Protein backbone atom coordinates (compact mmCIF):
# COMPACT_ATOMS: atom_id res chain seq x y z
CA MET A 1 15.82 -1.81 14.23
CA PRO A 2 12.59 -0.79 12.41
CA GLN A 3 12.48 -0.81 8.62
CA LEU A 4 10.87 2.64 8.78
CA ALA A 5 10.76 5.15 11.62
CA CYS A 6 8.86 8.42 11.17
CA GLN A 7 9.66 11.07 13.74
CA ASP A 8 7.45 14.11 14.36
CA LEU A 9 6.51 14.58 10.69
CA THR A 10 4.70 17.65 9.44
CA LEU A 11 3.23 17.16 5.97
CA GLY A 12 1.51 19.46 3.52
CA TYR A 13 1.49 21.00 0.06
CA GLU A 14 1.49 24.49 -1.44
CA GLY A 15 2.44 25.91 1.93
CA LYS A 16 -0.57 24.38 3.68
CA THR A 17 -0.05 21.97 6.58
CA VAL A 18 -2.23 18.88 6.28
CA VAL A 19 -1.05 16.86 9.26
CA SER A 20 1.58 17.32 11.96
CA GLY A 21 3.08 15.40 14.86
CA LEU A 22 3.20 12.05 13.06
CA SER A 23 5.49 9.52 14.75
CA PHE A 24 5.35 5.78 14.17
CA THR A 25 7.54 2.80 13.33
CA VAL A 26 7.18 -0.12 10.94
CA ASN A 27 9.05 -3.32 11.72
CA THR A 28 9.83 -6.20 9.38
CA GLY A 29 6.71 -8.28 8.83
CA ASP A 30 4.23 -5.67 10.10
CA TYR A 31 0.90 -5.07 8.41
CA LEU A 32 0.13 -1.40 9.03
CA CYS A 33 -3.26 0.01 8.03
CA ILE A 34 -3.57 3.79 7.78
CA VAL A 35 -7.13 4.96 8.38
CA GLY A 36 -8.86 8.32 8.71
CA GLU A 37 -11.30 10.69 7.12
CA ASN A 38 -10.91 12.08 3.59
CA GLY A 39 -8.39 14.92 3.50
CA SER A 40 -6.69 13.84 6.72
CA GLY A 41 -3.31 13.40 4.99
CA LYS A 42 -3.17 9.65 4.34
CA SER A 43 -2.19 9.87 0.65
CA THR A 44 0.22 12.74 1.39
CA LEU A 45 1.92 10.51 3.95
CA MET A 46 2.15 7.67 1.42
CA LYS A 47 3.79 9.97 -1.15
CA THR A 48 6.22 11.19 1.51
CA LEU A 49 7.21 7.62 2.38
CA LEU A 50 7.93 7.13 -1.34
CA ASN A 51 10.13 10.27 -1.47
CA LEU A 52 7.65 11.88 -3.87
CA LYS A 53 7.09 14.65 -1.34
CA THR A 54 9.41 16.22 1.23
CA PRO A 55 8.14 16.64 4.80
CA ALA A 56 7.89 20.22 6.03
CA SER A 57 9.63 19.03 9.19
CA GLY A 58 10.58 15.82 10.95
CA GLN A 59 12.42 12.90 9.44
CA ILE A 60 11.99 9.40 8.05
CA LEU A 61 14.68 6.89 9.00
CA THR A 62 15.24 3.49 7.42
CA GLY A 63 16.84 0.42 8.92
CA GLY A 64 17.61 -3.18 8.15
CA GLY A 65 19.46 -2.19 4.99
CA LEU A 66 16.21 -1.00 3.37
CA LEU A 67 16.70 0.84 0.07
CA GLN A 68 14.12 3.03 -1.67
CA SER A 69 14.30 0.69 -4.67
CA GLU A 70 13.09 -2.17 -2.45
CA ILE A 71 9.70 -0.53 -1.82
CA GLY A 72 6.81 -1.43 -4.12
CA TYR A 73 3.83 0.87 -4.59
CA MET A 74 0.28 0.25 -5.77
CA PRO A 75 -1.49 3.63 -6.18
CA GLN A 76 -5.20 4.26 -6.46
CA GLN A 77 -6.27 3.41 -9.98
CA THR A 78 -7.49 6.22 -12.23
CA ALA A 79 -9.88 6.07 -15.18
CA VAL A 80 -6.94 6.57 -17.55
CA GLN A 81 -5.06 3.62 -16.02
CA LYS A 82 -8.11 1.37 -16.37
CA ASP A 83 -8.06 2.01 -20.13
CA PHE A 84 -4.32 1.38 -20.55
CA PRO A 85 -3.74 -0.37 -23.94
CA ALA A 86 -1.07 -2.90 -22.97
CA SER A 87 -0.96 -6.60 -22.22
CA VAL A 88 -1.07 -7.83 -18.65
CA ARG A 89 2.48 -9.14 -19.04
CA GLU A 90 3.70 -5.70 -20.17
CA VAL A 91 1.99 -3.99 -17.23
CA VAL A 92 3.44 -6.42 -14.71
CA ARG A 93 6.94 -6.33 -16.19
CA SER A 94 6.98 -2.54 -15.93
CA GLY A 95 7.32 -3.01 -12.18
CA CYS A 96 10.88 -4.19 -12.84
CA LEU A 97 11.98 -0.88 -14.37
CA ASN A 98 13.74 0.20 -11.18
CA ARG A 99 15.88 -2.93 -11.45
CA CYS A 100 16.96 -2.21 -15.04
CA GLY A 101 19.12 0.85 -14.42
CA LEU A 102 20.21 2.19 -17.80
CA ARG A 103 19.38 -1.02 -19.67
CA PRO A 104 16.62 -0.50 -22.29
CA PHE A 105 15.40 -4.09 -21.89
CA TYR A 106 14.38 -6.59 -19.23
CA SER A 107 16.82 -9.30 -18.26
CA LYS A 108 15.89 -12.97 -18.14
CA THR A 109 15.76 -12.73 -14.34
CA GLU A 110 13.41 -9.74 -14.42
CA LYS A 111 11.11 -11.45 -16.91
CA GLN A 112 10.98 -14.48 -14.63
CA ILE A 113 10.16 -12.28 -11.63
CA ALA A 114 7.15 -10.95 -13.55
CA GLU A 115 6.05 -14.46 -14.51
CA ASP A 116 6.42 -15.66 -10.91
CA ASN A 117 4.32 -12.78 -9.58
CA MET A 118 1.58 -13.35 -12.15
CA GLU A 119 1.53 -17.00 -11.11
CA LYS A 120 1.46 -16.05 -7.43
CA LEU A 121 -1.58 -13.81 -7.95
CA GLY A 122 -3.43 -16.23 -10.20
CA ILE A 123 -3.28 -14.21 -13.43
CA ALA A 124 -0.68 -16.18 -15.41
CA ASP A 125 -3.41 -17.27 -17.82
CA LEU A 126 -4.22 -13.60 -18.49
CA ALA A 127 -0.66 -12.63 -19.47
CA LYS A 128 -1.47 -12.01 -23.13
CA ARG A 129 -4.82 -10.32 -22.51
CA CYS A 130 -5.20 -6.57 -22.94
CA TYR A 131 -5.22 -4.93 -19.53
CA ARG A 132 -8.20 -2.69 -20.30
CA GLU A 133 -10.34 -5.73 -21.17
CA LEU A 134 -10.03 -7.18 -17.66
CA SER A 135 -12.51 -6.95 -14.82
CA GLY A 136 -11.78 -4.53 -11.98
CA GLY A 137 -10.58 -7.33 -9.73
CA GLN A 138 -8.29 -8.74 -12.42
CA GLN A 139 -6.84 -5.29 -13.09
CA GLN A 140 -6.07 -4.83 -9.39
CA ARG A 141 -4.33 -8.21 -9.30
CA ALA A 142 -2.21 -7.13 -12.28
CA LEU A 143 -1.28 -3.87 -10.53
CA LEU A 144 -0.45 -5.76 -7.34
CA ALA A 145 1.77 -8.13 -9.33
CA ARG A 146 3.44 -5.06 -10.86
CA ALA A 147 4.08 -3.59 -7.41
CA LEU A 148 5.54 -6.90 -6.24
CA CYS A 149 8.06 -6.78 -9.09
CA ALA A 150 9.40 -3.59 -7.49
CA ALA A 151 8.98 -4.67 -3.87
CA ARG A 152 11.67 -6.71 -2.21
CA LYS A 153 10.91 -5.79 1.39
CA ILE A 154 7.92 -3.42 1.69
CA ILE A 155 4.80 -2.83 -0.37
CA LEU A 156 2.67 0.33 -0.06
CA LEU A 157 -0.99 0.08 -1.09
CA ASP A 158 -3.32 3.05 -1.53
CA GLU A 159 -6.95 1.85 -1.33
CA PRO A 160 -6.29 -1.41 -3.22
CA ALA A 161 -9.95 -2.48 -3.02
CA ALA A 162 -11.48 0.84 -4.08
CA GLY A 163 -14.22 0.39 -6.68
CA LEU A 164 -14.27 -3.40 -6.43
CA ASP A 165 -17.35 -5.49 -5.73
CA PRO A 166 -17.45 -7.17 -2.29
CA LYS A 167 -16.06 -10.51 -3.49
CA ALA A 168 -13.20 -8.94 -5.47
CA ALA A 169 -12.42 -6.66 -2.51
CA ALA A 170 -12.33 -9.63 -0.13
CA ASP A 171 -10.02 -11.47 -2.56
CA MET A 172 -7.69 -8.45 -2.71
CA TYR A 173 -7.46 -8.18 1.07
CA ALA A 174 -6.84 -11.93 1.35
CA LEU A 175 -4.01 -11.62 -1.19
CA THR A 176 -2.33 -8.83 0.78
CA ALA A 177 -2.64 -10.89 3.96
CA LYS A 178 -1.04 -13.87 2.21
CA LEU A 179 1.85 -11.73 0.98
CA ASN A 180 2.34 -10.46 4.52
CA SER A 181 2.34 -14.00 5.93
CA GLU A 182 5.07 -14.84 3.43
CA GLY A 183 7.32 -12.08 4.79
CA THR A 184 6.43 -8.88 2.92
CA THR A 185 5.87 -5.83 5.11
CA VAL A 186 2.56 -4.20 4.13
CA ILE A 187 1.53 -0.55 4.59
CA MET A 188 -2.02 0.03 3.35
CA ILE A 189 -4.39 2.99 3.25
CA SER A 190 -7.97 1.80 3.67
CA HIS A 191 -11.40 3.24 4.39
CA ASP A 192 -12.61 -0.27 5.19
CA ILE A 193 -12.28 -0.49 8.96
CA ALA A 194 -13.53 -4.09 9.00
CA ALA A 195 -10.72 -5.19 6.68
CA SER A 196 -8.19 -3.12 8.62
CA VAL A 197 -9.15 -4.77 11.89
CA LYS A 198 -9.24 -8.25 10.35
CA TYR A 199 -5.84 -8.18 8.66
CA ALA A 200 -3.67 -5.46 10.21
CA SER A 201 -1.14 -5.97 12.96
CA HIS A 202 -0.98 -2.21 13.60
CA ILE A 203 -3.22 0.81 12.97
CA LEU A 204 -2.30 4.44 12.33
CA HIS A 205 -5.39 6.64 12.59
CA ILE A 206 -5.00 10.18 11.27
CA GLY A 207 -7.58 12.86 11.88
CA ALA A 208 -8.06 16.56 12.60
CA GLY A 209 -4.53 17.34 11.37
CA THR A 210 -2.71 14.96 13.70
CA ALA A 211 -2.28 11.31 14.63
CA LEU A 212 -5.15 10.14 16.81
CA PHE A 213 -3.67 6.70 17.43
CA PHE A 214 -0.74 4.45 16.57
CA GLY A 215 -0.32 0.95 17.95
CA THR A 216 -1.55 -2.61 17.68
CA LYS A 217 -5.04 -3.28 16.37
CA ALA A 218 -6.01 -4.78 19.74
CA ASP A 219 -5.10 -1.55 21.50
CA TYR A 220 -6.76 0.48 18.76
CA LEU A 221 -10.12 -1.19 19.32
CA LYS A 222 -9.86 -0.34 23.01
CA SER A 223 -9.01 3.31 22.29
CA GLY A 224 -11.50 6.15 21.99
CA ALA A 225 -10.53 6.75 18.36
CA GLY A 226 -10.87 3.10 17.45
CA ARG A 227 -14.22 2.57 19.12
CA ALA A 228 -15.72 5.73 17.64
CA TYR A 229 -14.38 5.11 14.14
CA ALA A 230 -15.41 1.44 14.06
CA THR A 231 -18.91 2.26 15.26
CA ALA A 232 -19.31 5.10 12.73
CA ASP A 233 -18.22 2.72 9.96
CA GLY A 234 -20.85 0.20 10.96
CA GLY A 235 -18.48 -2.19 12.69
CA GLU A 236 -18.62 -3.54 16.21
CA PRO A 237 -15.59 -2.67 18.33
CA ALA A 238 -14.28 -5.55 20.40
């Protein structure tokens, strides 16, 4: 059974429909990239998957014992977040808040989870550094480590490489691919079609208020939507 199954979703805000007719599934171990033009409903879909928004119609089903608390989320970073006056360790540990319940402190296990994720993402030596003093790539690694503290089965990423230089962006995509190879299901919004094609197992392309394509990346590149979008983005469809 899929971890997530979205059936005929209609999404919007303030009474305005943004996208309708969305149906797709995400199985354990998938790497789903969500692509499409600005304003097509990608971020609205992400917020709906996180239960931050309610669909106007349709439903989202979960399987495999997936709980909402087992989904990690790395949002787009804002200017305010970039200037956050906390240590890297404090930022990463905050990803464990959904594990704490009513406890006003982190347990030994939760602290170790944070340390393990900093080690995994190569920022253990930055633990005591102030987050706002880091480079853009280092900040994104810290936010990814934070999301991993919350994620136990699925991680949702909203433009994780936005604003990064090419090397830092490539490093971020490689990290997400590594996490996926280790068993974490990845759902990522990206404007970078080259990265989507390189790393994704499946593509959801949203445009003109509806889903233009959902399926494997191989089938996507053969589709009209995939060929047109890849060419417009400067890529070469296979």
